[in-house]
Amino acid sequence: MRVPDHERKCALPREGWILYDGGCGFCFRWVHFWKNVIEKRGFALKDLQSASADGSLQVSPENLLDDIRVLTRGGKLESGADAYLFVARQIWWAWPFYAIFSLPGFNWMLWQGYRWFNRNRYRISRHCPLPQQAKERIDS
C-alpha cells in the first residue's frame, strides 16, 4: 500500500480506511452516521474518489465505485458485503452479525441483498443528497 505524502504528515488510522462512494448521498450519510463507532475501532473514512486520486487505492476507474471497501494499513482490501463483515468483526456488539452472516447460506443472502442495494443506491441517493447539494436546494 502506498501512503500518500499528505497522509504521512497526519496521524494514520490504526486499522485502516473505510472507502465509500463520495458522490452518493446515501453512502455519505450512512458512513458518517457510524463515524464515531468506526473511529473508536481505529478506522478513518475516505471517499473512493480521493483514495484513487491520491494513489492509496489502485482500482481501475471503471470499477472504482463498484463497492464499499476497507483498506487496512497492511494493504489488505475487503470489498462489498465482506467489508461490512470485516468491520463488524472489530466491534464487540456487532460480532453476532459477523458470526451469522459468515455462514455459507447467510453469507449468500447478505451478498444478494448487498448487490441489489448497491445497484439501486443512486435511486435512494436522489432523495438523500450530499450535504452541499441539500444546502444548495435550501438556498435556491
Protein backbone atom coordinates (compact mmCIF):
# COMPACT_ATOMS: atom_id res chain seq x y z
CA MET A 1 0.00 0.00 0.00
CA ARG A 2 1.34 3.41 -0.93
CA VAL A 3 0.59 6.07 1.69
CA PRO A 4 0.16 9.50 0.09
CA ASP A 5 2.52 12.27 1.23
CA HIS A 6 -0.26 14.40 2.72
CA GLU A 7 -1.35 11.47 4.90
CA ARG A 8 2.16 10.82 6.17
CA LYS A 9 2.03 14.23 7.82
CA CYS A 10 -1.29 13.40 9.51
CA ALA A 11 -1.90 10.65 12.01
CA LEU A 12 -2.65 7.44 10.15
CA PRO A 13 -5.63 5.42 11.29
CA ARG A 14 -4.69 2.49 13.50
CA GLU A 15 -6.59 -0.11 11.42
CA GLY A 16 -7.23 1.42 8.01
CA TRP A 17 -9.75 3.28 5.90
CA ILE A 18 -13.38 2.71 5.06
CA LEU A 19 -13.72 3.83 1.45
CA TYR A 20 -17.17 4.82 0.21
CA ASP A 21 -18.72 6.46 -2.85
CA GLY A 22 -18.32 10.18 -2.14
CA GLY A 23 -20.83 11.05 -4.87
CA CYS A 24 -23.66 9.09 -3.28
CA GLY A 25 -25.73 10.94 -0.68
CA PHE A 26 -26.91 7.72 0.95
CA CYS A 27 -23.38 6.32 1.20
CA PHE A 28 -22.07 9.59 2.62
CA ARG A 29 -24.78 9.78 5.28
CA TRP A 30 -24.54 6.07 6.14
CA VAL A 31 -20.80 6.02 6.82
CA HIS A 32 -20.91 9.34 8.68
CA PHE A 33 -23.77 8.04 10.82
CA TRP A 34 -21.37 5.31 12.02
CA LYS A 35 -18.28 7.56 12.10
CA ASN A 36 -17.84 7.64 15.89
CA VAL A 37 -18.23 3.87 16.19
CA ILE A 38 -15.69 3.07 13.50
CA GLU A 39 -13.19 5.72 14.57
CA LYS A 40 -13.12 4.19 18.05
CA ARG A 41 -12.09 0.93 16.33
CA GLY A 42 -9.22 2.61 14.53
CA PHE A 43 -10.77 3.27 11.12
CA ALA A 44 -10.94 6.54 9.21
CA LEU A 45 -13.37 7.50 6.45
CA LYS A 46 -12.26 8.42 2.95
CA ASP A 47 -14.21 8.56 -0.27
CA LEU A 48 -13.20 6.23 -3.08
CA GLN A 49 -12.64 9.12 -5.45
CA SER A 50 -10.00 10.71 -3.15
CA ALA A 51 -8.35 7.36 -2.45
CA SER A 52 -8.00 6.75 -6.18
CA ALA A 53 -6.76 10.27 -6.90
CA ASP A 54 -4.09 10.21 -4.17
CA GLY A 55 -2.90 6.74 -5.18
CA SER A 56 -3.77 4.96 -1.94
CA LEU A 57 -6.27 2.74 -3.81
CA GLN A 58 -5.27 1.03 -7.03
CA VAL A 59 -8.54 0.12 -8.76
CA SER A 60 -9.44 0.67 -12.39
CA PRO A 61 -11.62 3.77 -12.93
CA GLU A 62 -14.46 1.68 -14.39
CA ASN A 63 -14.58 -0.44 -11.20
CA LEU A 64 -13.83 2.29 -8.67
CA LEU A 65 -17.41 2.81 -7.48
CA ASP A 66 -18.48 -0.84 -7.66
CA ASP A 67 -18.32 -1.46 -3.91
CA ILE A 68 -17.67 -0.03 -0.49
CA ARG A 69 -14.16 -1.08 0.53
CA VAL A 70 -11.97 -1.40 3.59
CA LEU A 71 -8.26 -0.82 3.05
CA THR A 72 -6.16 -1.92 6.01
CA ARG A 73 -2.86 -0.34 6.93
CA GLY A 74 -1.25 -3.60 5.86
CA GLY A 75 -2.69 -3.24 2.35
CA LYS A 76 -5.47 -5.85 2.61
CA LEU A 77 -8.57 -4.85 0.66
CA GLU A 78 -12.07 -6.05 1.58
CA SER A 79 -14.94 -5.17 -0.75
CA GLY A 80 -18.71 -5.23 -0.78
CA ALA A 81 -20.51 -7.25 1.88
CA ASP A 82 -17.13 -8.59 3.06
CA ALA A 83 -16.17 -5.02 4.01
CA TYR A 84 -19.17 -4.86 6.34
CA LEU A 85 -18.25 -8.22 7.85
CA PHE A 86 -14.63 -7.15 8.32
CA VAL A 87 -15.66 -4.08 10.30
CA ALA A 88 -18.41 -5.91 12.22
CA ARG A 89 -15.81 -8.38 13.41
CA GLN A 90 -13.94 -5.49 15.08
CA ILE A 91 -17.00 -4.33 17.09
CA TRP A 92 -17.95 -6.49 20.07
CA TRP A 93 -21.69 -5.83 19.86
CA ALA A 94 -21.73 -6.37 16.05
CA TRP A 95 -19.82 -9.65 16.31
CA PRO A 96 -23.07 -11.72 16.18
CA PHE A 97 -23.84 -10.11 12.80
CA TYR A 98 -20.38 -11.16 11.64
CA ALA A 99 -20.77 -14.70 13.00
CA ILE A 100 -24.20 -15.32 11.46
CA PHE A 101 -23.54 -13.72 8.08
CA SER A 102 -20.21 -15.51 7.69
CA LEU A 103 -22.07 -18.82 7.49
CA PRO A 104 -22.47 -20.05 3.89
CA GLY A 105 -26.25 -19.68 3.40
CA PHE A 106 -26.46 -16.45 5.34
CA ASN A 107 -23.38 -15.08 3.57
CA TRP A 108 -25.04 -15.75 0.23
CA MET A 109 -28.16 -13.86 1.42
CA LEU A 110 -26.04 -10.95 2.68
CA TRP A 111 -24.25 -10.71 -0.68
CA GLN A 112 -27.53 -10.88 -2.64
CA GLY A 113 -29.02 -8.09 -0.52
CA TYR A 114 -25.84 -6.04 -0.79
CA ARG A 115 -25.66 -6.41 -4.58
CA TRP A 116 -29.31 -5.44 -5.01
CA PHE A 117 -28.98 -2.39 -2.77
CA ASN A 118 -25.66 -1.36 -4.31
CA ARG A 119 -27.14 -1.43 -7.82
CA ASN A 120 -30.05 0.75 -6.67
CA ARG A 121 -28.31 3.14 -4.26
CA TYR A 122 -28.49 6.15 -6.57
CA ARG A 123 -32.29 5.90 -6.60
CA ILE A 124 -32.23 6.36 -2.84
CA SER A 125 -29.43 8.91 -3.10
CA ARG A 126 -31.64 11.22 -5.19
CA HIS A 127 -33.81 11.61 -2.08
CA CYS A 128 -30.78 11.69 0.21
CA PRO A 129 -28.50 14.34 -1.30
CA LEU A 130 -24.96 15.13 -0.27
CA PRO A 131 -24.78 17.90 2.36
CA GLN A 132 -23.68 20.55 -0.19
CA GLN A 133 -26.49 19.55 -2.57
CA ALA A 134 -29.02 19.84 0.25
CA LYS A 135 -27.67 23.28 1.19
CA GLU A 136 -27.94 24.41 -2.45
CA ARG A 137 -31.60 23.26 -2.55
CA ILE A 138 -32.39 25.29 0.58
CA ASP A 139 -30.56 28.39 -0.69
CA SER A 140 -32.36 28.37 -4.07
